[in-house]
Amino acid sequence: MVLDDFEITYTSVGKAMQVKKSIMGITDAVGKNLIGTAMGDDLAHCVYIAWRSHKNFFDEVNYYRFCTEEEASLGYPVTVEFYK
């Protein structure tokens, strides 16, 4: 399964400028450090939820992985793990 990169544009507080960053979609997280997991309607919603709950999310995140049906949380269409 090939995943698309997800591009984010955000304003960096420390740098006071707009920053563009891509998060790479992965299927195997071996060797990556988990930042957190978010459940939502789609990938963009999960990115928003992760950003709201993790202080330096945009500075740290480099990868995302869609969880399998067995790993996913019931009641949400998508569960995504984020890694640095």
PDB file of N, CA and C in Angstrom:
ATOM      1  N   MET A   1       0.844  -1.186   0.000  1.00  0.00           N
ATOM      2  CA  MET A   1       0.000   0.000   0.000  1.00  0.00           C
ATOM      3  C   MET A   1       0.884   1.243   0.000  1.00  0.00           C
ATOM      4  N   VAL A   2       0.681   2.119  -0.955  1.00  0.00           N
ATOM      5  CA  VAL A   2       1.444   3.356  -1.052  1.00  0.00           C
ATOM      6  C   VAL A   2       0.611   4.480  -0.458  1.00  0.00           C
ATOM      7  N   LEU A   3       1.209   5.224   0.449  1.00  0.00           N
ATOM      8  CA  LEU A   3       0.511   6.333   1.085  1.00  0.00           C
ATOM      9  C   LEU A   3       1.072   7.648   0.577  1.00  0.00           C
ATOM     10  N   ASP A   4       0.204   8.630   0.433  1.00  0.00           N
ATOM     11  CA  ASP A   4       0.639   9.954   0.011  1.00  0.00           C
ATOM     12  C   ASP A   4       1.226  10.714   1.190  1.00  0.00           C
ATOM     13  N   ASP A   5       2.155  11.624   0.880  1.00  0.00           N
ATOM     14  CA  ASP A   5       2.636  12.539   1.896  1.00  0.00           C
ATOM     15  C   ASP A   5       1.527  13.552   2.165  1.00  0.00           C
ATOM     16  N   PHE A   6       1.457  14.027   3.389  1.00  0.00           N
ATOM     17  CA  PHE A   6       0.445  14.997   3.795  1.00  0.00           C
ATOM     18  C   PHE A   6       1.173  16.305   4.042  1.00  0.00           C
ATOM     19  N   GLU A   7       0.852  17.345   3.287  1.00  0.00           N
ATOM     20  CA  GLU A   7       1.547  18.615   3.433  1.00  0.00           C
ATOM     21  C   GLU A   7       0.808  19.524   4.397  1.00  0.00           C
ATOM     22  N   ILE A   8       1.576  20.131   5.300  1.00  0.00           N
ATOM     23  CA  ILE A   8       1.040  21.028   6.321  1.00  0.00           C
ATOM     24  C   ILE A   8       1.681  22.396   6.115  1.00  0.00           C
ATOM     25  N   THR A   9       0.905  23.446   6.243  1.00  0.00           N
ATOM     26  CA  THR A   9       1.443  24.800   6.317  1.00  0.00           C
ATOM     27  C   THR A   9       0.992  25.369   7.650  1.00  0.00           C
ATOM     28  N   TYR A  10       1.954  25.821   8.458  1.00  0.00           N
ATOM     29  CA  TYR A  10       1.623  26.353   9.778  1.00  0.00           C
ATOM     30  C   TYR A  10       2.527  27.530  10.096  1.00  0.00           C
ATOM     31  N   THR A  11       2.146  28.315  11.076  1.00  0.00           N
ATOM     32  CA  THR A  11       2.964  29.433  11.518  1.00  0.00           C
ATOM     33  C   THR A  11       3.751  28.991  12.734  1.00  0.00           C
ATOM     34  N   SER A  12       5.066  29.043  12.620  1.00  0.00           N
ATOM     35  CA  SER A  12       5.944  28.655  13.717  1.00  0.00           C
ATOM     36  C   SER A  12       6.039  29.809  14.704  1.00  0.00           C
ATOM     37  N   VAL A  13       5.709  29.558  15.949  1.00  0.00           N
ATOM     38  CA  VAL A  13       5.725  30.601  16.969  1.00  0.00           C
ATOM     39  C   VAL A  13       7.150  31.095  17.206  1.00  0.00           C
ATOM     40  N   GLY A  14       8.089  30.182  17.345  1.00  0.00           N
ATOM     41  CA  GLY A  14       9.481  30.567  17.605  1.00  0.00           C
ATOM     42  C   GLY A  14      10.124  31.285  16.436  1.00  0.00           C
ATOM     43  N   LYS A  15       9.745  30.940  15.227  1.00  0.00           N
ATOM     44  CA  LYS A  15      10.343  31.535  14.034  1.00  0.00           C
ATOM     45  C   LYS A  15       9.482  32.666  13.471  1.00  0.00           C
ATOM     46  N   ALA A  16       8.246  32.805  13.943  1.00  0.00           N
ATOM     47  CA  ALA A  16       7.298  33.832  13.496  1.00  0.00           C
ATOM     48  C   ALA A  16       7.200  33.898  11.974  1.00  0.00           C
ATOM     49  N   MET A  17       7.098  32.719  11.347  1.00  0.00           N
ATOM     50  CA  MET A  17       6.968  32.668   9.894  1.00  0.00           C
ATOM     51  C   MET A  17       6.177  31.446   9.488  1.00  0.00           C
ATOM     52  N   GLN A  18       5.683  31.453   8.261  1.00  0.00           N
ATOM     53  CA  GLN A  18       4.951  30.300   7.737  1.00  0.00           C
ATOM     54  C   GLN A  18       5.938  29.209   7.345  1.00  0.00           C
ATOM     55  N   VAL A  19       5.625  27.992   7.722  1.00  0.00           N
ATOM     56  CA  VAL A  19       6.477  26.847   7.442  1.00  0.00           C
ATOM     57  C   VAL A  19       5.649  25.796   6.710  1.00  0.00           C
ATOM     58  N   LYS A  20       6.225  25.205   5.664  1.00  0.00           N
ATOM     59  CA  LYS A  20       5.584  24.078   4.986  1.00  0.00           C
ATOM     60  C   LYS A  20       6.343  22.824   5.348  1.00  0.00           C
ATOM     61  N   LYS A  21       5.599  21.791   5.649  1.00  0.00           N
ATOM     62  CA  LYS A  21       6.213  20.527   6.043  1.00  0.00           C
ATOM     63  C   LYS A  21       5.371  19.386   5.485  1.00  0.00           C
ATOM     64  N   SER A  22       6.027  18.322   5.053  1.00  0.00           N
ATOM     65  CA  SER A  22       5.335  17.128   4.600  1.00  0.00           C
ATOM     66  C   SER A  22       5.506  16.026   5.632  1.00  0.00           C
ATOM     67  N   ILE A  23       4.423  15.308   5.881  1.00  0.00           N
ATOM     68  CA  ILE A  23       4.461  14.133   6.751  1.00  0.00           C
ATOM     69  C   ILE A  23       4.365  12.928   5.833  1.00  0.00           C
ATOM     70  N   MET A  24       5.310  12.027   5.937  1.00  0.00           N
ATOM     71  CA  MET A  24       5.366  10.867   5.053  1.00  0.00           C
ATOM     72  C   MET A  24       4.484   9.739   5.586  1.00  0.00           C
ATOM     73  N   GLY A  25       3.661   9.191   4.712  1.00  0.00           N
ATOM     74  CA  GLY A  25       2.839   8.043   5.062  1.00  0.00           C
ATOM     75  C   GLY A  25       3.669   6.772   5.041  1.00  0.00           C
ATOM     76  N   ILE A  26       3.561   5.961   6.095  1.00  0.00           N
ATOM     77  CA  ILE A  26       4.305   4.705   6.193  1.00  0.00           C
ATOM     78  C   ILE A  26       3.343   3.570   6.531  1.00  0.00           C
ATOM     79  N   THR A  27       3.766   2.350   6.263  1.00  0.00           N
ATOM     80  CA  THR A  27       2.969   1.182   6.642  1.00  0.00           C
ATOM     81  C   THR A  27       3.651   0.389   7.750  1.00  0.00           C
ATOM     82  N   ASP A  28       4.940   0.631   7.969  1.00  0.00           N
ATOM     83  CA  ASP A  28       5.710  -0.080   8.993  1.00  0.00           C
ATOM     84  C   ASP A  28       6.419   0.949   9.863  1.00  0.00           C
ATOM     85  N   ALA A  29       6.186   0.912  11.149  1.00  0.00           N
ATOM     86  CA  ALA A  29       6.734   1.906  12.067  1.00  0.00           C
ATOM     87  C   ALA A  29       7.961   1.421  12.830  1.00  0.00           C
ATOM     88  N   VAL A  30       8.561   0.330  12.409  1.00  0.00           N
ATOM     89  CA  VAL A  30       9.735  -0.199  13.101  1.00  0.00           C
ATOM     90  C   VAL A  30      10.848   0.845  13.085  1.00  0.00           C
ATOM     91  N   GLY A  31      11.412   1.115  14.249  1.00  0.00           N
ATOM     92  CA  GLY A  31      12.509   2.067  14.370  1.00  0.00           C
ATOM     93  C   GLY A  31      12.081   3.514  14.504  1.00  0.00           C
ATOM     94  N   LYS A  32      10.784   3.783  14.507  1.00  0.00           N
ATOM     95  CA  LYS A  32      10.272   5.145  14.632  1.00  0.00           C
ATOM     96  C   LYS A  32       9.764   5.356  16.062  1.00  0.00           C
ATOM     97  N   ASN A  33       9.818   6.594  16.533  1.00  0.00           N
ATOM     98  CA  ASN A  33       9.353   6.935  17.878  1.00  0.00           C
ATOM     99  C   ASN A  33       7.935   7.489  17.805  1.00  0.00           C
ATOM    100  N   LEU A  34       7.025   6.827  18.510  1.00  0.00           N
ATOM    101  CA  LEU A  34       5.617   7.223  18.514  1.00  0.00           C
ATOM    102  C   LEU A  34       5.444   8.548  19.261  1.00  0.00           C
ATOM    103  N   ILE A  35       4.764   9.496  18.615  1.00  0.00           N
ATOM    104  CA  ILE A  35       4.406  10.762  19.257  1.00  0.00           C
ATOM    105  C   ILE A  35       3.036  10.625  19.905  1.00  0.00           C
ATOM    106  N   GLY A  36       2.102  10.039  19.151  1.00  0.00           N
ATOM    107  CA  GLY A  36       0.757   9.880  19.680  1.00  0.00           C
ATOM    108  C   GLY A  36      -0.185   9.297  18.646  1.00  0.00           C
ATOM    109  N   THR A  37      -1.398   9.041  19.073  1.00  0.00           N
ATOM    110  CA  THR A  37      -2.435   8.453  18.233  1.00  0.00           C
ATOM    111  C   THR A  37      -3.659   9.356  18.281  1.00  0.00           C
ATOM    112  N   ALA A  38      -4.296   9.534  17.123  1.00  0.00           N
ATOM    113  CA  ALA A  38      -5.509  10.349  17.069  1.00  0.00           C
ATOM    114  C   ALA A  38      -6.595   9.600  16.308  1.00  0.00           C
ATOM    115  N   MET A  39      -7.836   9.817  16.716  1.00  0.00           N
ATOM    116  CA  MET A  39      -8.977   9.220  16.056  1.00  0.00           C
ATOM    117  C   MET A  39      -9.862  10.331  15.546  1.00  0.00           C
ATOM    118  N   GLY A  40     -10.343  10.179  14.295  1.00  0.00           N
ATOM    119  CA  GLY A  40     -11.177  11.234  13.738  1.00  0.00           C
ATOM    120  C   GLY A  40     -11.881  10.816  12.474  1.00  0.00           C
ATOM    121  N   ASP A  41     -12.346  11.819  11.732  1.00  0.00           N
ATOM    122  CA  ASP A  41     -13.116  11.583  10.515  1.00  0.00           C
ATOM    123  C   ASP A  41     -12.232  11.254   9.316  1.00  0.00           C
ATOM    124  N   ASP A  42     -11.036  11.849   9.267  1.00  0.00           N
ATOM    125  CA  ASP A  42     -10.103  11.623   8.167  1.00  0.00           C
ATOM    126  C   ASP A  42      -8.699  12.033   8.631  1.00  0.00           C
ATOM    127  N   LEU A  43      -7.709  11.934   7.742  1.00  0.00           N
ATOM    128  CA  LEU A  43      -6.327  12.249   8.123  1.00  0.00           C
ATOM    129  C   LEU A  43      -6.179  13.696   8.585  1.00  0.00           C
ATOM    130  N   ALA A  44      -6.787  14.634   7.872  1.00  0.00           N
ATOM    131  CA  ALA A  44      -6.674  16.047   8.255  1.00  0.00           C
ATOM    132  C   ALA A  44      -7.248  16.293   9.653  1.00  0.00           C
ATOM    133  N   HIS A  45      -8.357  15.659   9.963  1.00  0.00           N
ATOM    134  CA  HIS A  45      -8.967  15.785  11.287  1.00  0.00           C
ATOM    135  C   HIS A  45      -8.040  15.210  12.358  1.00  0.00           C
ATOM    136  N   CYS A  46      -7.416  14.081  12.075  1.00  0.00           N
ATOM    137  CA  CYS A  46      -6.485  13.461  13.020  1.00  0.00           C
ATOM    138  C   CYS A  46      -5.254  14.332  13.244  1.00  0.00           C
ATOM    139  N   VAL A  47      -4.751  14.970  12.174  1.00  0.00           N
ATOM    140  CA  VAL A  47      -3.613  15.888  12.316  1.00  0.00           C
ATOM    141  C   VAL A  47      -4.007  17.035  13.235  1.00  0.00           C
ATOM    142  N   TYR A  48      -5.178  17.587  13.041  1.00  0.00           N
ATOM    143  CA  TYR A  48      -5.661  18.681  13.882  1.00  0.00           C
ATOM    144  C   TYR A  48      -5.754  18.253  15.349  1.00  0.00           C
ATOM    145  N   ILE A  49      -6.313  17.097  15.592  1.00  0.00           N
ATOM    146  CA  ILE A  49      -6.458  16.611  16.973  1.00  0.00           C
ATOM    147  C   ILE A  49      -5.081  16.389  17.602  1.00  0.00           C
ATOM    148  N   ALA A  50      -4.167  15.801  16.861  1.00  0.00           N
ATOM    149  CA  ALA A  50      -2.810  15.564  17.379  1.00  0.00           C
ATOM    150  C   ALA A  50      -2.112  16.884  17.683  1.00  0.00           C
ATOM    151  N   TRP A  51      -2.267  17.871  16.802  1.00  0.00           N
ATOM    152  CA  TRP A  51      -1.657  19.178  17.010  1.00  0.00           C
ATOM    153  C   TRP A  51      -2.205  19.834  18.278  1.00  0.00           C
ATOM    154  N   ARG A  52      -3.513  19.704  18.501  1.00  0.00           N
ATOM    155  CA  ARG A  52      -4.130  20.328  19.680  1.00  0.00           C
ATOM    156  C   ARG A  52      -3.686  19.671  20.992  1.00  0.00           C
ATOM    157  N   SER A  53      -3.280  18.409  20.927  1.00  0.00           N
ATOM    158  CA  SER A  53      -2.943  17.709  22.171  1.00  0.00           C
ATOM    159  C   SER A  53      -1.447  17.499  22.385  1.00  0.00           C
ATOM    160  N   HIS A  54      -0.612  17.883  21.428  1.00  0.00           N
ATOM    161  CA  HIS A  54       0.839  17.696  21.559  1.00  0.00           C
ATOM    162  C   HIS A  54       1.534  19.028  21.301  1.00  0.00           C
ATOM    163  N   LYS A  55       2.227  19.525  22.307  1.00  0.00           N
ATOM    164  CA  LYS A  55       2.795  20.876  22.281  1.00  0.00           C
ATOM    165  C   LYS A  55       3.636  21.185  21.033  1.00  0.00           C
ATOM    166  N   ASN A  56       4.580  20.357  20.684  1.00  0.00           N
ATOM    167  CA  ASN A  56       5.478  20.610  19.555  1.00  0.00           C
ATOM    168  C   ASN A  56       5.205  19.671  18.387  1.00  0.00           C
ATOM    169  N   PHE A  57       3.949  19.371  18.166  1.00  0.00           N
ATOM    170  CA  PHE A  57       3.582  18.371  17.169  1.00  0.00           C
ATOM    171  C   PHE A  57       4.197  18.650  15.800  1.00  0.00           C
ATOM    172  N   PHE A  58       4.008  19.841  15.259  1.00  0.00           N
ATOM    173  CA  PHE A  58       4.492  20.129  13.909  1.00  0.00           C
ATOM    174  C   PHE A  58       6.013  20.101  13.821  1.00  0.00           C
ATOM    175  N   ASP A  59       6.694  20.464  14.882  1.00  0.00           N
ATOM    176  CA  ASP A  59       8.153  20.432  14.877  1.00  0.00           C
ATOM    177  C   ASP A  59       8.685  18.998  14.922  1.00  0.00           C
ATOM    178  N   GLU A  60       7.955  18.102  15.569  1.00  0.00           N
ATOM    179  CA  GLU A  60       8.442  16.745  15.791  1.00  0.00           C
ATOM    180  C   GLU A  60       7.951  15.705  14.783  1.00  0.00           C
ATOM    181  N   VAL A  61       6.755  15.873  14.260  1.00  0.00           N
ATOM    182  CA  VAL A  61       6.160  14.818  13.429  1.00  0.00           C
ATOM    183  C   VAL A  61       6.846  14.725  12.060  1.00  0.00           C
ATOM    184  N   ASN A  62       7.123  13.492  11.640  1.00  0.00           N
ATOM    185  CA  ASN A  62       7.693  13.234  10.316  1.00  0.00           C
ATOM    186  C   ASN A  62       6.928  12.159   9.550  1.00  0.00           C
ATOM    187  N   TYR A  63       6.211  11.287  10.282  1.00  0.00           N
ATOM    188  CA  TYR A  63       5.550  10.143   9.654  1.00  0.00           C
ATOM    189  C   TYR A  63       4.159   9.949  10.240  1.00  0.00           C
ATOM    190  N   TYR A  64       3.276   9.355   9.456  1.00  0.00           N
ATOM    191  CA  TYR A  64       1.981   8.915   9.954  1.00  0.00           C
ATOM    192  C   TYR A  64       1.707   7.503   9.447  1.00  0.00           C
ATOM    193  N   ARG A  65       0.884   6.776  10.207  1.00  0.00           N
ATOM    194  CA  ARG A  65       0.504   5.415   9.816  1.00  0.00           C
ATOM    195  C   ARG A  65      -0.957   5.205  10.181  1.00  0.00           C
ATOM    196  N   PHE A  66      -1.753   4.747   9.181  1.00  0.00           N
ATOM    197  CA  PHE A  66      -3.139   4.388   9.470  1.00  0.00           C
ATOM    198  C   PHE A  66      -3.141   3.074  10.247  1.00  0.00           C
ATOM    199  N   CYS A  67      -3.880   3.037  11.336  1.00  0.00           N
ATOM    200  CA  CYS A  67      -3.985   1.819  12.134  1.00  0.00           C
ATOM    201  C   CYS A  67      -4.891   0.817  11.426  1.00  0.00           C
ATOM    202  N   THR A  68      -4.618  -0.446  11.681  1.00  0.00           N
ATOM    203  CA  THR A  68      -5.460  -1.502  11.121  1.00  0.00           C
ATOM    204  C   THR A  68      -6.812  -1.495  11.832  1.00  0.00           C
ATOM    205  N   GLU A  69      -7.752  -2.204  11.282  1.00  0.00           N
ATOM    206  CA  GLU A  69      -9.081  -2.281  11.881  1.00  0.00           C
ATOM    207  C   GLU A  69      -9.013  -2.823  13.312  1.00  0.00           C
ATOM    208  N   GLU A  70      -8.112  -3.777  13.548  1.00  0.00           N
ATOM    209  CA  GLU A  70      -7.974  -4.365  14.883  1.00  0.00           C
ATOM    210  C   GLU A  70      -7.387  -3.350  15.875  1.00  0.00           C
ATOM    211  N   GLU A  71      -6.524  -2.447  15.414  1.00  0.00           N
ATOM    212  CA  GLU A  71      -5.898  -1.446  16.280  1.00  0.00           C
ATOM    213  C   GLU A  71      -6.773  -0.213  16.475  1.00  0.00           C
ATOM    214  N   ALA A  72      -7.706   0.014  15.569  1.00  0.00           N
ATOM    215  CA  ALA A  72      -8.499   1.243  15.546  1.00  0.00           C
ATOM    216  C   ALA A  72      -9.471   1.305  16.719  1.00  0.00           C
ATOM    217  N   SER A  73      -9.831   2.526  17.050  1.00  0.00           N
ATOM    218  CA  SER A  73     -10.787   2.766  18.108  1.00  0.00           C
ATOM    219  C   SER A  73     -12.194   2.722  17.529  1.00  0.00           C
ATOM    220  N   LEU A  74     -13.087   2.058  18.201  1.00  0.00           N
ATOM    221  CA  LEU A  74     -14.464   1.953  17.730  1.00  0.00           C
ATOM    222  C   LEU A  74     -15.148   3.316  17.774  1.00  0.00           C
ATOM    223  N   GLY A  75     -15.985   3.559  16.820  1.00  0.00           N
ATOM    224  CA  GLY A  75     -16.738   4.800  16.800  1.00  0.00           C
ATOM    225  C   GLY A  75     -16.122   5.890  15.936  1.00  0.00           C
ATOM    226  N   TYR A  76     -14.901   5.675  15.458  1.00  0.00           N
ATOM    227  CA  TYR A  76     -14.244   6.657  14.596  1.00  0.00           C
ATOM    228  C   TYR A  76     -13.867   6.004  13.277  1.00  0.00           C
ATOM    229  N   PRO A  77     -14.049   6.709  12.163  1.00  0.00           N
ATOM    230  CA  PRO A  77     -13.717   6.130  10.861  1.00  0.00           C
ATOM    231  C   PRO A  77     -12.224   5.866  10.676  1.00  0.00           C
ATOM    232  N   VAL A  78     -11.370   6.715  11.287  1.00  0.00           N
ATOM    233  CA  VAL A  78      -9.923   6.613  11.058  1.00  0.00           C
ATOM    234  C   VAL A  78      -9.168   6.741  12.373  1.00  0.00           C
ATOM    235  N   THR A  79      -8.164   5.889  12.549  1.00  0.00           N
ATOM    236  CA  THR A  79      -7.225   6.012  13.670  1.00  0.00           C
ATOM    237  C   THR A  79      -5.833   6.094  13.066  1.00  0.00           C
ATOM    238  N   VAL A  80      -5.066   7.127  13.447  1.00  0.00           N
ATOM    239  CA  VAL A  80      -3.757   7.378  12.862  1.00  0.00           C
ATOM    240  C   VAL A  80      -2.727   7.516  13.976  1.00  0.00           C
ATOM    241  N   GLU A  81      -1.567   6.890  13.772  1.00  0.00           N
ATOM    242  CA  GLU A  81      -0.431   7.046  14.676  1.00  0.00           C
ATOM    243  C   GLU A  81       0.555   8.012  14.027  1.00  0.00           C
ATOM    244  N   PHE A  82       1.172   8.859  14.837  1.00  0.00           N
ATOM    245  CA  PHE A  82       2.146   9.829  14.349  1.00  0.00           C
ATOM    246  C   PHE A  82       3.512   9.540  14.983  1.00  0.00           C
ATOM    247  N   TYR A  83       4.551   9.665  14.175  1.00  0.00           N
ATOM    248  CA  TYR A  83       5.910   9.314  14.606  1.00  0.00           C
ATOM    249  C   TYR A  83       6.896  10.411  14.274  1.00  0.00           C
ATOM    250  N   LYS A  84       7.996  10.425  15.060  1.00  0.00           N
ATOM    251  CA  LYS A  84       9.119  11.298  14.692  1.00  0.00           C
ATOM    252  C   LYS A  84      10.250  10.461  14.187  1.00  0.00           C
TER     253      LYS A  84
END
